Amino acid sequence: MNQYLVFSIGFLAQILFSARQLTQWIASEKAGRILSPLLFWQLSILASFLLMVYGILRNDLVIILGQIITYGVYIRNLHYHGFWKKIPGPVRILVFVFPALAICWLLTGETYNIHKLFTNKDISSSLLIWGIIGQCIFTFRFVYQWLYSEKRKQSVLPIGFWIISITGSIMVLSYAIFRKDPVLFVGQLFGVVVYSRNILLGLRQNQP
């Protein structure tokens, strides 16, 4: 596939991810506390869908793993906002099963398949391990957010979410530099700014 088209898909996904961070940041700044707006999760699910496609086309296991894990968390938060049930049934089914379809594509495809993800000559084993660890930490923020929200039965973005975010983001950012991946680099660079600001808002919010 044309490299420019592949990067276009990736950059579109990162633009949507950046847009979600920007909308959350603006809403939180206005409120003076950390908010979890519906638009944040709507943009998340759409961007995640596109970034999974990008990860497959780039034969990049790090990207795919991160998106598959967080995908369900996005859906759960849309449920908390009462939006998930408003989506037409066929669309919900497609969105829900897409990660499974992506895995089947990798297992059966010839051009893009699971074997090439582990034997990509452009990624050394050590770099792949570093990227996976960084992505796991970065992804765990949504697992933490999900568990935190489940206890409170509402969509919440606690300060711990942002602390985990900036830790994982710095690791993925370094991976992107060595991988020479402009899509990951641009997305993570903007994210570090937003994560830092939300940590400051969270600390201020928790002050007595």
N, C-alpha and C. Protein backbone atom coordinates (compact mmCIF):
# COMPACT_ATOMS: atom_id res chain seq x y z
N MET A 1 0.84 -1.19 0.00
CA MET A 1 0.00 0.00 0.00
C MET A 1 0.88 1.25 0.00
N ASN A 2 0.40 2.31 -0.65
CA ASN A 2 1.14 3.55 -0.73
C ASN A 2 1.48 4.08 0.66
N GLN A 3 2.77 4.39 0.87
CA GLN A 3 3.24 4.82 2.19
C GLN A 3 2.55 6.10 2.65
N TYR A 4 2.30 7.01 1.71
CA TYR A 4 1.66 8.27 2.06
C TYR A 4 0.23 8.04 2.57
N LEU A 5 -0.46 7.08 1.97
CA LEU A 5 -1.82 6.76 2.40
C LEU A 5 -1.79 6.16 3.81
N VAL A 6 -0.82 5.28 4.06
CA VAL A 6 -0.68 4.65 5.38
C VAL A 6 -0.43 5.72 6.44
N PHE A 7 0.51 6.63 6.17
CA PHE A 7 0.80 7.70 7.13
C PHE A 7 -0.39 8.64 7.30
N SER A 8 -1.15 8.84 6.22
CA SER A 8 -2.34 9.70 6.31
C SER A 8 -3.35 9.12 7.29
N ILE A 9 -3.53 7.79 7.24
CA ILE A 9 -4.44 7.12 8.18
C ILE A 9 -3.95 7.31 9.61
N GLY A 10 -2.65 7.13 9.81
CA GLY A 10 -2.06 7.29 11.14
C GLY A 10 -2.18 8.71 11.66
N PHE A 11 -1.88 9.69 10.79
CA PHE A 11 -1.96 11.08 11.23
C PHE A 11 -3.40 11.50 11.51
N LEU A 12 -4.35 10.98 10.75
CA LEU A 12 -5.76 11.28 11.01
C LEU A 12 -6.15 10.76 12.39
N ALA A 13 -5.69 9.55 12.71
CA ALA A 13 -5.96 8.98 14.03
C ALA A 13 -5.36 9.85 15.13
N GLN A 14 -4.12 10.29 14.93
CA GLN A 14 -3.46 11.12 15.95
C GLN A 14 -4.10 12.50 16.06
N ILE A 15 -4.61 13.03 14.95
CA ILE A 15 -5.32 14.31 15.00
C ILE A 15 -6.56 14.16 15.88
N LEU A 16 -7.27 13.04 15.73
CA LEU A 16 -8.46 12.79 16.54
C LEU A 16 -8.09 12.59 18.01
N PHE A 17 -6.98 11.88 18.25
CA PHE A 17 -6.52 11.71 19.63
C PHE A 17 -6.14 13.06 20.25
N SER A 18 -5.46 13.89 19.46
CA SER A 18 -5.08 15.22 19.95
C SER A 18 -6.31 16.08 20.19
N ALA A 19 -7.31 15.92 19.31
CA ALA A 19 -8.55 16.69 19.46
C ALA A 19 -9.28 16.30 20.74
N ARG A 20 -9.25 14.99 21.08
CA ARG A 20 -9.92 14.55 22.31
C ARG A 20 -9.22 15.15 23.53
N GLN A 21 -7.88 15.19 23.47
CA GLN A 21 -7.12 15.74 24.58
C GLN A 21 -7.38 17.24 24.72
N LEU A 22 -7.48 17.91 23.57
CA LEU A 22 -7.71 19.35 23.57
C LEU A 22 -9.09 19.69 24.15
N THR A 23 -10.12 18.93 23.73
CA THR A 23 -11.47 19.19 24.23
C THR A 23 -11.56 18.91 25.74
N GLN A 24 -10.89 17.85 26.19
CA GLN A 24 -10.90 17.54 27.63
C GLN A 24 -10.16 18.61 28.41
N TRP A 25 -9.05 19.06 27.84
CA TRP A 25 -8.22 20.08 28.49
C TRP A 25 -9.00 21.40 28.63
N ILE A 26 -9.64 21.82 27.54
CA ILE A 26 -10.40 23.08 27.55
C ILE A 26 -11.56 23.00 28.56
N ALA A 27 -12.28 21.87 28.52
CA ALA A 27 -13.42 21.71 29.44
C ALA A 27 -12.95 21.72 30.90
N SER A 28 -11.82 21.09 31.16
CA SER A 28 -11.29 21.03 32.52
C SER A 28 -10.78 22.39 32.98
N GLU A 29 -10.13 23.12 32.06
CA GLU A 29 -9.64 24.46 32.41
C GLU A 29 -10.80 25.38 32.78
N LYS A 30 -11.91 25.28 32.03
CA LYS A 30 -13.07 26.12 32.31
C LYS A 30 -13.70 25.78 33.66
N ALA A 31 -13.72 24.48 33.97
CA ALA A 31 -14.33 24.03 35.22
C ALA A 31 -13.38 24.15 36.41
N GLY A 32 -12.07 24.23 36.12
CA GLY A 32 -11.09 24.30 37.20
C GLY A 32 -10.85 22.97 37.87
N ARG A 33 -11.28 21.91 37.24
CA ARG A 33 -11.09 20.56 37.76
C ARG A 33 -11.08 19.57 36.59
N ILE A 34 -10.63 18.34 36.83
CA ILE A 34 -10.53 17.36 35.76
C ILE A 34 -11.92 16.83 35.41
N LEU A 35 -12.28 16.93 34.14
CA LEU A 35 -13.57 16.43 33.66
C LEU A 35 -13.36 15.26 32.69
N SER A 36 -14.42 14.49 32.49
CA SER A 36 -14.40 13.37 31.55
C SER A 36 -15.56 13.55 30.56
N PRO A 37 -15.42 14.47 29.60
CA PRO A 37 -16.53 14.78 28.68
C PRO A 37 -16.82 13.66 27.69
N LEU A 38 -18.07 13.61 27.23
CA LEU A 38 -18.49 12.58 26.27
C LEU A 38 -17.66 12.63 25.00
N LEU A 39 -17.39 13.84 24.50
CA LEU A 39 -16.65 13.98 23.25
C LEU A 39 -15.27 13.33 23.33
N PHE A 40 -14.67 13.34 24.51
CA PHE A 40 -13.37 12.70 24.72
C PHE A 40 -13.44 11.23 24.33
N TRP A 41 -14.50 10.55 24.73
CA TRP A 41 -14.63 9.13 24.47
C TRP A 41 -15.12 8.84 23.05
N GLN A 42 -15.92 9.73 22.50
CA GLN A 42 -16.37 9.57 21.11
C GLN A 42 -15.18 9.65 20.15
N LEU A 43 -14.34 10.64 20.37
CA LEU A 43 -13.15 10.78 19.53
C LEU A 43 -12.17 9.64 19.77
N SER A 44 -12.12 9.14 21.00
CA SER A 44 -11.21 8.04 21.35
C SER A 44 -11.52 6.78 20.55
N ILE A 45 -12.79 6.40 20.49
CA ILE A 45 -13.15 5.15 19.81
C ILE A 45 -12.90 5.25 18.32
N LEU A 46 -13.17 6.42 17.73
CA LEU A 46 -12.93 6.61 16.30
C LEU A 46 -11.44 6.61 15.99
N ALA A 47 -10.65 7.31 16.82
CA ALA A 47 -9.20 7.36 16.61
C ALA A 47 -8.57 5.99 16.82
N SER A 48 -9.05 5.25 17.80
CA SER A 48 -8.52 3.92 18.09
C SER A 48 -8.75 2.98 16.91
N PHE A 49 -9.93 3.06 16.32
CA PHE A 49 -10.25 2.26 15.14
C PHE A 49 -9.24 2.51 14.02
N LEU A 50 -8.99 3.79 13.75
CA LEU A 50 -8.06 4.15 12.67
C LEU A 50 -6.62 3.77 13.00
N LEU A 51 -6.22 3.92 14.27
CA LEU A 51 -4.84 3.61 14.64
C LEU A 51 -4.58 2.11 14.61
N MET A 52 -5.61 1.30 14.86
CA MET A 52 -5.45 -0.15 14.72
C MET A 52 -5.18 -0.52 13.26
N VAL A 53 -5.92 0.13 12.36
CA VAL A 53 -5.69 -0.09 10.93
C VAL A 53 -4.27 0.33 10.56
N TYR A 54 -3.83 1.47 11.08
CA TYR A 54 -2.48 1.96 10.82
C TYR A 54 -1.43 0.99 11.35
N GLY A 55 -1.65 0.47 12.55
CA GLY A 55 -0.71 -0.49 13.14
C GLY A 55 -0.57 -1.75 12.31
N ILE A 56 -1.68 -2.21 11.76
CA ILE A 56 -1.65 -3.40 10.90
C ILE A 56 -0.86 -3.11 9.63
N LEU A 57 -1.12 -1.96 9.04
CA LEU A 57 -0.45 -1.60 7.78
C LEU A 57 1.04 -1.34 7.99
N ARG A 58 1.42 -0.96 9.22
CA ARG A 58 2.82 -0.71 9.54
C ARG A 58 3.51 -1.94 10.13
N ASN A 59 2.75 -3.04 10.28
CA ASN A 59 3.29 -4.25 10.90
C ASN A 59 3.90 -3.93 12.27
N ASP A 60 3.19 -3.16 13.08
CA ASP A 60 3.71 -2.69 14.36
C ASP A 60 2.86 -3.25 15.50
N LEU A 61 3.41 -4.26 16.18
CA LEU A 61 2.71 -4.93 17.27
C LEU A 61 2.44 -4.00 18.44
N VAL A 62 3.36 -3.08 18.70
CA VAL A 62 3.22 -2.15 19.83
C VAL A 62 1.94 -1.33 19.70
N ILE A 63 1.71 -0.80 18.51
CA ILE A 63 0.51 0.02 18.28
C ILE A 63 -0.76 -0.81 18.41
N ILE A 64 -0.77 -1.99 17.80
CA ILE A 64 -1.97 -2.82 17.78
C ILE A 64 -2.36 -3.28 19.18
N LEU A 65 -1.39 -3.74 19.97
CA LEU A 65 -1.68 -4.22 21.33
C LEU A 65 -2.33 -3.14 22.18
N GLY A 66 -1.76 -1.95 22.11
CA GLY A 66 -2.28 -0.85 22.91
C GLY A 66 -3.72 -0.52 22.58
N GLN A 67 -4.04 -0.50 21.30
CA GLN A 67 -5.39 -0.13 20.90
C GLN A 67 -6.42 -1.21 21.20
N ILE A 68 -6.06 -2.46 21.05
CA ILE A 68 -7.00 -3.55 21.32
C ILE A 68 -7.41 -3.55 22.79
N ILE A 69 -6.47 -3.29 23.69
CA ILE A 69 -6.76 -3.31 25.12
C ILE A 69 -7.65 -2.14 25.53
N THR A 70 -7.36 -0.94 25.01
CA THR A 70 -8.11 0.24 25.43
C THR A 70 -9.48 0.36 24.76
N TYR A 71 -9.66 -0.33 23.68
CA TYR A 71 -10.88 -0.23 22.89
C TYR A 71 -12.13 -0.48 23.74
N GLY A 72 -12.10 -1.54 24.53
CA GLY A 72 -13.25 -1.88 25.37
C GLY A 72 -13.51 -0.84 26.45
N VAL A 73 -12.44 -0.19 26.94
CA VAL A 73 -12.59 0.84 27.96
C VAL A 73 -13.33 2.05 27.38
N TYR A 74 -13.02 2.39 26.13
CA TYR A 74 -13.72 3.49 25.47
C TYR A 74 -15.21 3.19 25.38
N ILE A 75 -15.53 1.97 25.00
CA ILE A 75 -16.94 1.56 24.88
C ILE A 75 -17.64 1.65 26.23
N ARG A 76 -16.96 1.22 27.28
CA ARG A 76 -17.55 1.23 28.62
C ARG A 76 -17.84 2.67 29.06
N ASN A 77 -16.94 3.60 28.76
CA ASN A 77 -17.16 4.99 29.14
C ASN A 77 -18.28 5.63 28.32
N LEU A 78 -18.42 5.22 27.07
CA LEU A 78 -19.56 5.68 26.27
C LEU A 78 -20.86 5.19 26.89
N HIS A 79 -20.81 3.98 27.45
CA HIS A 79 -21.98 3.43 28.15
C HIS A 79 -22.32 4.28 29.37
N TYR A 80 -21.31 4.67 30.15
CA TYR A 80 -21.54 5.48 31.33
C TYR A 80 -22.17 6.83 30.97
N HIS A 81 -21.82 7.35 29.82
CA HIS A 81 -22.37 8.63 29.38
C HIS A 81 -23.75 8.47 28.73
N GLY A 82 -24.22 7.22 28.62
CA GLY A 82 -25.52 6.98 28.03
C GLY A 82 -25.55 7.08 26.52
N PHE A 83 -24.36 7.09 25.90
CA PHE A 83 -24.28 7.29 24.45
C PHE A 83 -24.25 5.98 23.68
N TRP A 84 -23.70 4.93 24.27
CA TRP A 84 -23.50 3.67 23.55
C TRP A 84 -24.80 3.11 23.00
N LYS A 85 -25.87 3.18 23.79
CA LYS A 85 -27.16 2.63 23.36
C LYS A 85 -27.83 3.47 22.28
N LYS A 86 -27.35 4.70 22.11
CA LYS A 86 -27.91 5.58 21.07
C LYS A 86 -27.35 5.27 19.69
N ILE A 87 -26.25 4.54 19.65
CA ILE A 87 -25.63 4.18 18.38
C ILE A 87 -26.44 3.06 17.73
N PRO A 88 -26.73 3.14 16.42
CA PRO A 88 -27.50 2.08 15.74
C PRO A 88 -26.89 0.70 15.97
N GLY A 89 -27.74 -0.32 16.14
CA GLY A 89 -27.29 -1.68 16.45
C GLY A 89 -26.21 -2.22 15.53
N PRO A 90 -26.40 -2.14 14.19
CA PRO A 90 -25.37 -2.67 13.28
C PRO A 90 -24.01 -2.00 13.46
N VAL A 91 -24.03 -0.69 13.73
CA VAL A 91 -22.77 0.03 13.93
C VAL A 91 -22.10 -0.42 15.23
N ARG A 92 -22.91 -0.62 16.28
CA ARG A 92 -22.37 -1.11 17.55
C ARG A 92 -21.71 -2.47 17.38
N ILE A 93 -22.36 -3.34 16.62
CA ILE A 93 -21.82 -4.68 16.39
C ILE A 93 -20.49 -4.59 15.66
N LEU A 94 -20.43 -3.75 14.61
CA LEU A 94 -19.20 -3.59 13.84
C LEU A 94 -18.08 -3.05 14.72
N VAL A 95 -18.38 -2.02 15.51
CA VAL A 95 -17.38 -1.43 16.40
C VAL A 95 -16.89 -2.45 17.42
N PHE A 96 -17.82 -3.22 17.96
CA PHE A 96 -17.50 -4.17 19.02
C PHE A 96 -16.62 -5.32 18.52
N VAL A 97 -16.88 -5.80 17.31
CA VAL A 97 -16.16 -6.98 16.82
C VAL A 97 -14.92 -6.62 16.00
N PHE A 98 -14.69 -5.33 15.76
CA PHE A 98 -13.56 -4.95 14.90
C PHE A 98 -12.21 -5.47 15.40
N PRO A 99 -11.91 -5.37 16.72
CA PRO A 99 -10.62 -5.91 17.17
C PRO A 99 -10.44 -7.38 16.83
N ALA A 100 -11.52 -8.18 16.94
CA ALA A 100 -11.45 -9.60 16.60
C ALA A 100 -11.20 -9.78 15.11
N LEU A 101 -11.83 -8.93 14.30
CA LEU A 101 -11.61 -8.98 12.85
C LEU A 101 -10.17 -8.61 12.51
N ALA A 102 -9.63 -7.64 13.24
CA ALA A 102 -8.24 -7.23 13.01
C ALA A 102 -7.28 -8.37 13.31
N ILE A 103 -7.53 -9.10 14.40
CA ILE A 103 -6.69 -10.23 14.76
C ILE A 103 -6.78 -11.32 13.71
N CYS A 104 -7.99 -11.61 13.23
CA CYS A 104 -8.18 -12.62 12.16
C CYS A 104 -7.44 -12.21 10.89
N TRP A 105 -7.48 -10.92 10.60
CA TRP A 105 -6.78 -10.40 9.42
C TRP A 105 -5.28 -10.67 9.56
N LEU A 106 -4.75 -10.44 10.74
CA LEU A 106 -3.32 -10.65 10.97
C LEU A 106 -2.95 -12.13 10.89
N LEU A 107 -3.84 -12.98 11.39
CA LEU A 107 -3.55 -14.41 11.41
C LEU A 107 -3.62 -15.05 10.03
N THR A 108 -4.45 -14.49 9.16
CA THR A 108 -4.70 -15.13 7.86
C THR A 108 -4.13 -14.36 6.68
N GLY A 109 -3.75 -13.09 6.89
CA GLY A 109 -3.29 -12.28 5.77
C GLY A 109 -1.92 -12.70 5.26
N GLU A 110 -1.64 -12.31 4.04
CA GLU A 110 -0.34 -12.61 3.43
C GLU A 110 0.58 -11.40 3.47
N THR A 111 0.03 -10.23 3.14
CA THR A 111 0.85 -9.02 3.15
C THR A 111 1.06 -8.50 4.56
N TYR A 112 -0.01 -8.50 5.35
CA TYR A 112 0.05 -8.05 6.74
C TYR A 112 -0.38 -9.22 7.62
N ASN A 113 0.52 -9.79 8.36
CA ASN A 113 0.17 -10.94 9.19
C ASN A 113 0.95 -10.95 10.49
N ILE A 114 0.52 -11.81 11.40
CA ILE A 114 1.07 -11.85 12.75
C ILE A 114 2.55 -12.23 12.77
N HIS A 115 2.99 -13.05 11.80
CA HIS A 115 4.39 -13.47 11.75
C HIS A 115 5.28 -12.27 11.49
N LYS A 116 4.85 -11.39 10.59
CA LYS A 116 5.67 -10.23 10.25
C LYS A 116 5.75 -9.23 11.40
N LEU A 117 4.74 -9.26 12.28
CA LEU A 117 4.78 -8.35 13.43
C LEU A 117 5.96 -8.68 14.34
N PHE A 118 6.26 -9.99 14.48
CA PHE A 118 7.34 -10.42 15.37
C PHE A 118 8.69 -10.49 14.67
N THR A 119 8.69 -10.44 13.34
CA THR A 119 9.94 -10.56 12.59
C THR A 119 10.22 -9.32 11.74
N ASN A 120 9.64 -8.21 12.13
CA ASN A 120 9.84 -6.97 11.38
C ASN A 120 11.31 -6.57 11.46
N LYS A 121 11.97 -6.55 10.30
CA LYS A 121 13.40 -6.28 10.26
C LYS A 121 13.74 -4.83 10.63
N ASP A 122 12.71 -3.97 10.63
CA ASP A 122 12.94 -2.57 10.97
C ASP A 122 12.91 -2.31 12.48
N ILE A 123 12.55 -3.33 13.26
CA ILE A 123 12.46 -3.16 14.72
C ILE A 123 13.30 -4.23 15.40
N SER A 124 14.32 -3.84 16.15
CA SER A 124 15.14 -4.80 16.88
C SER A 124 14.33 -5.39 18.03
N SER A 125 14.77 -6.53 18.53
CA SER A 125 14.07 -7.19 19.62
C SER A 125 14.02 -6.32 20.88
N SER A 126 15.16 -5.69 21.20
CA SER A 126 15.22 -4.84 22.39
C SER A 126 14.29 -3.63 22.26
N LEU A 127 14.25 -3.04 21.06
CA LEU A 127 13.37 -1.89 20.83
C LEU A 127 11.91 -2.32 20.91
N LEU A 128 11.62 -3.51 20.36
CA LEU A 128 10.25 -4.02 20.41
C LEU A 128 9.80 -4.24 21.85
N ILE A 129 10.70 -4.83 22.67
CA ILE A 129 10.37 -5.07 24.08
C ILE A 129 10.15 -3.74 24.82
N TRP A 130 11.04 -2.77 24.57
CA TRP A 130 10.91 -1.46 25.20
C TRP A 130 9.59 -0.81 24.80
N GLY A 131 9.25 -0.89 23.52
CA GLY A 131 8.01 -0.30 23.03
C GLY A 131 6.79 -0.97 23.63
N ILE A 132 6.84 -2.29 23.75
CA ILE A 132 5.70 -3.03 24.32
C ILE A 132 5.52 -2.68 25.80
N ILE A 133 6.64 -2.58 26.55
CA ILE A 133 6.55 -2.21 27.97
C ILE A 133 5.95 -0.80 28.11
N GLY A 134 6.46 0.12 27.28
CA GLY A 134 5.93 1.48 27.30
C GLY A 134 4.46 1.53 26.95
N GLN A 135 4.07 0.75 25.95
CA GLN A 135 2.67 0.72 25.53
C GLN A 135 1.79 0.08 26.60
N CYS A 136 2.33 -0.94 27.28
CA CYS A 136 1.58 -1.59 28.37
C CYS A 136 1.32 -0.61 29.50
N ILE A 137 2.35 0.17 29.87
CA ILE A 137 2.17 1.18 30.92
C ILE A 137 1.18 2.24 30.45
N PHE A 138 1.35 2.69 29.21
CA PHE A 138 0.47 3.70 28.64
C PHE A 138 -0.97 3.20 28.58
N THR A 139 -1.13 1.92 28.26
CA THR A 139 -2.46 1.32 28.15
C THR A 139 -3.08 1.09 29.52
N PHE A 140 -2.25 0.78 30.51
CA PHE A 140 -2.75 0.50 31.85
C PHE A 140 -3.51 1.69 32.43
N ARG A 141 -3.22 2.91 31.93
CA ARG A 141 -3.93 4.08 32.44
C ARG A 141 -5.43 3.95 32.25
N PHE A 142 -5.83 3.31 31.13
CA PHE A 142 -7.25 3.15 30.88
C PHE A 142 -7.84 2.00 31.68
N VAL A 143 -7.03 1.00 31.98
CA VAL A 143 -7.48 -0.07 32.88
C VAL A 143 -7.71 0.53 34.27
N TYR A 144 -6.78 1.36 34.70
CA TYR A 144 -6.90 2.05 35.99
C TYR A 144 -8.14 2.95 35.99
N GLN A 145 -8.33 3.70 34.91
CA GLN A 145 -9.49 4.59 34.81
C GLN A 145 -10.79 3.81 34.83
N TRP A 146 -10.79 2.68 34.16
CA TRP A 146 -11.99 1.82 34.11
C TRP A 146 -12.35 1.31 35.51
N LEU A 147 -11.35 0.78 36.23
CA LEU A 147 -11.60 0.26 37.58
C LEU A 147 -12.05 1.38 38.53
N TYR A 148 -11.42 2.54 38.38
CA TYR A 148 -11.76 3.70 39.21
C TYR A 148 -13.21 4.13 38.93
N SER A 149 -13.59 4.15 37.66
CA SER A 149 -14.94 4.55 37.28
C SER A 149 -15.98 3.52 37.68
N GLU A 150 -15.61 2.23 37.59
CA GLU A 150 -16.54 1.17 37.97
C GLU A 150 -16.94 1.31 39.44
N LYS A 151 -15.99 1.66 40.30
CA LYS A 151 -16.27 1.82 41.73
C LYS A 151 -17.24 2.97 41.98
N ARG A 152 -17.15 3.98 41.12
CA ARG A 152 -17.98 5.17 41.32
C ARG A 152 -19.19 5.20 40.39
N LYS A 153 -19.30 4.22 39.50
CA LYS A 153 -20.43 4.09 38.59
C LYS A 153 -20.64 5.34 37.73
N GLN A 154 -19.53 5.97 37.37
CA GLN A 154 -19.56 7.11 36.46
C GLN A 154 -18.20 7.28 35.81
N SER A 155 -18.19 7.96 34.66
CA SER A 155 -16.94 8.16 33.95
C SER A 155 -16.11 9.25 34.62
N VAL A 156 -14.91 8.86 35.11
CA VAL A 156 -14.02 9.78 35.82
C VAL A 156 -12.60 9.63 35.28
N LEU A 157 -11.86 10.75 35.23
CA LEU A 157 -10.44 10.73 34.83
C LEU A 157 -9.62 11.19 36.04
N PRO A 158 -9.24 10.27 36.94
CA PRO A 158 -8.53 10.65 38.17
C PRO A 158 -7.09 11.07 37.90
N ILE A 159 -6.45 11.68 38.88
CA ILE A 159 -5.08 12.16 38.71
C ILE A 159 -4.12 11.02 38.42
N GLY A 160 -4.38 9.83 38.99
CA GLY A 160 -3.52 8.68 38.72
C GLY A 160 -3.48 8.33 37.25
N PHE A 161 -4.58 8.56 36.56
CA PHE A 161 -4.66 8.31 35.12
C PHE A 161 -3.63 9.15 34.38
N TRP A 162 -3.50 10.40 34.79
CA TRP A 162 -2.59 11.32 34.10
C TRP A 162 -1.12 11.04 34.45
N ILE A 163 -0.87 10.59 35.68
CA ILE A 163 0.50 10.24 36.08
C ILE A 163 0.98 9.03 35.28
N ILE A 164 0.12 8.02 35.17
CA ILE A 164 0.46 6.83 34.37
C ILE A 164 0.62 7.23 32.91
N SER A 165 -0.24 8.15 32.43
CA SER A 165 -0.20 8.59 31.04
C SER A 165 1.16 9.18 30.67
N ILE A 166 1.65 10.10 31.52
CA ILE A 166 2.90 10.79 31.17
C ILE A 166 4.09 9.84 31.25
N THR A 167 4.04 8.86 32.16
CA THR A 167 5.12 7.87 32.26
C THR A 167 5.19 7.01 31.00
N GLY A 168 4.04 6.46 30.62
CA GLY A 168 4.00 5.62 29.42
C GLY A 168 4.27 6.42 28.17
N SER A 169 3.78 7.65 28.14
CA SER A 169 3.95 8.49 26.95
C SER A 169 5.42 8.78 26.66
N ILE A 170 6.20 9.05 27.70
CA ILE A 170 7.63 9.32 27.52
C ILE A 170 8.34 8.09 26.96
N MET A 171 7.94 6.91 27.42
CA MET A 171 8.54 5.67 26.91
C MET A 171 8.16 5.43 25.44
N VAL A 172 6.89 5.64 25.12
CA VAL A 172 6.44 5.45 23.73
C VAL A 172 7.06 6.51 22.83
N LEU A 173 7.24 7.71 23.37
CA LEU A 173 7.87 8.79 22.60
C LEU A 173 9.29 8.42 22.22
N SER A 174 10.04 7.84 23.17
CA SER A 174 11.41 7.41 22.86
C SER A 174 11.40 6.27 21.84
N TYR A 175 10.41 5.38 21.95
CA TYR A 175 10.26 4.30 20.97
C TYR A 175 10.03 4.88 19.58
N ALA A 176 9.18 5.90 19.50
CA ALA A 176 8.86 6.53 18.22
C ALA A 176 10.09 7.17 17.59
N ILE A 177 10.97 7.73 18.44
CA ILE A 177 12.19 8.36 17.93
C ILE A 177 13.09 7.32 17.27
N PHE A 178 13.34 6.20 17.96
CA PHE A 178 14.18 5.14 17.41
C PHE A 178 13.51 4.43 16.23
N ARG A 179 12.17 4.35 16.28
CA ARG A 179 11.40 3.70 15.21
C ARG A 179 11.27 4.61 14.00
N LYS A 180 11.59 5.90 14.21
CA LYS A 180 11.44 6.93 13.17
C LYS A 180 9.99 6.96 12.66
N ASP A 181 9.08 6.98 13.62
CA ASP A 181 7.65 6.99 13.30
C ASP A 181 7.08 8.37 13.62
N PRO A 182 6.85 9.21 12.60
CA PRO A 182 6.36 10.56 12.85
C PRO A 182 4.96 10.59 13.45
N VAL A 183 4.15 9.58 13.15
CA VAL A 183 2.78 9.54 13.66
C VAL A 183 2.77 9.40 15.17
N LEU A 184 3.52 8.41 15.68
CA LEU A 184 3.61 8.21 17.13
C LEU A 184 4.27 9.41 17.81
N PHE A 185 5.31 9.95 17.19
CA PHE A 185 6.07 11.04 17.79
C PHE A 185 5.20 12.28 18.01
N VAL A 186 4.50 12.70 16.97
CA VAL A 186 3.68 13.91 17.05
C VAL A 186 2.56 13.74 18.08
N GLY A 187 1.92 12.56 18.06
CA GLY A 187 0.82 12.30 18.98
C GLY A 187 1.27 12.33 20.43
N GLN A 188 2.40 11.70 20.73
CA GLN A 188 2.87 11.62 22.10
C GLN A 188 3.42 12.95 22.59
N LEU A 189 4.03 13.71 21.70
CA LEU A 189 4.62 14.99 22.09
C LEU A 189 3.54 15.95 22.59
N PHE A 190 2.43 16.01 21.88
CA PHE A 190 1.32 16.87 22.30
C PHE A 190 0.71 16.34 23.60
N GLY A 191 0.64 15.02 23.70
CA GLY A 191 0.03 14.41 24.88
C GLY A 191 0.75 14.76 26.16
N VAL A 192 2.08 14.81 26.13
CA VAL A 192 2.86 15.10 27.33
C VAL A 192 2.45 16.44 27.93
N VAL A 193 2.17 17.43 27.07
CA VAL A 193 1.75 18.76 27.54
C VAL A 193 0.41 18.67 28.27
N VAL A 194 -0.55 17.96 27.65
CA VAL A 194 -1.89 17.84 28.24
C VAL A 194 -1.85 17.06 29.55
N TYR A 195 -1.07 15.96 29.57
CA TYR A 195 -0.99 15.15 30.78
C TYR A 195 -0.41 15.96 31.93
N SER A 196 0.62 16.74 31.64
CA SER A 196 1.26 17.56 32.67
C SER A 196 0.27 18.57 33.26
N ARG A 197 -0.51 19.19 32.38
CA ARG A 197 -1.47 20.20 32.83
C ARG A 197 -2.57 19.57 33.69
N ASN A 198 -3.04 18.38 33.30
CA ASN A 198 -4.07 17.72 34.07
C ASN A 198 -3.57 17.28 35.44
N ILE A 199 -2.30 16.92 35.53
CA ILE A 199 -1.70 16.58 36.83
C ILE A 199 -1.74 17.81 37.75
N LEU A 200 -1.40 18.97 37.19
CA LEU A 200 -1.43 20.22 37.98
C LEU A 200 -2.87 20.53 38.42
N LEU A 201 -3.83 20.35 37.50
CA LEU A 201 -5.24 20.59 37.86
C LEU A 201 -5.69 19.62 38.95
N GLY A 202 -5.26 18.36 38.83
CA GLY A 202 -5.64 17.35 39.80
C GLY A 202 -5.08 17.65 41.18
N LEU A 203 -3.82 18.09 41.22
CA LEU A 203 -3.20 18.43 42.50
C LEU A 203 -3.90 19.63 43.14
N ARG A 204 -4.27 20.60 42.30
CA ARG A 204 -4.98 21.76 42.81
C ARG A 204 -6.36 21.38 43.32
N GLN A 205 -7.01 20.48 42.59
CA GLN A 205 -8.36 20.02 42.95
C GLN A 205 -8.37 19.27 44.27
N ASN A 206 -7.27 18.53 44.55
CA ASN A 206 -7.20 17.72 45.77
C ASN A 206 -6.71 18.49 46.98
N GLN A 207 -6.32 19.74 46.75
CA GLN A 207 -5.86 20.55 47.90
C GLN A 207 -7.04 20.88 48.81
N PRO A 208 -6.84 20.79 50.12
CA PRO A 208 -7.93 21.10 51.07
C PRO A 208 -8.31 22.56 51.03
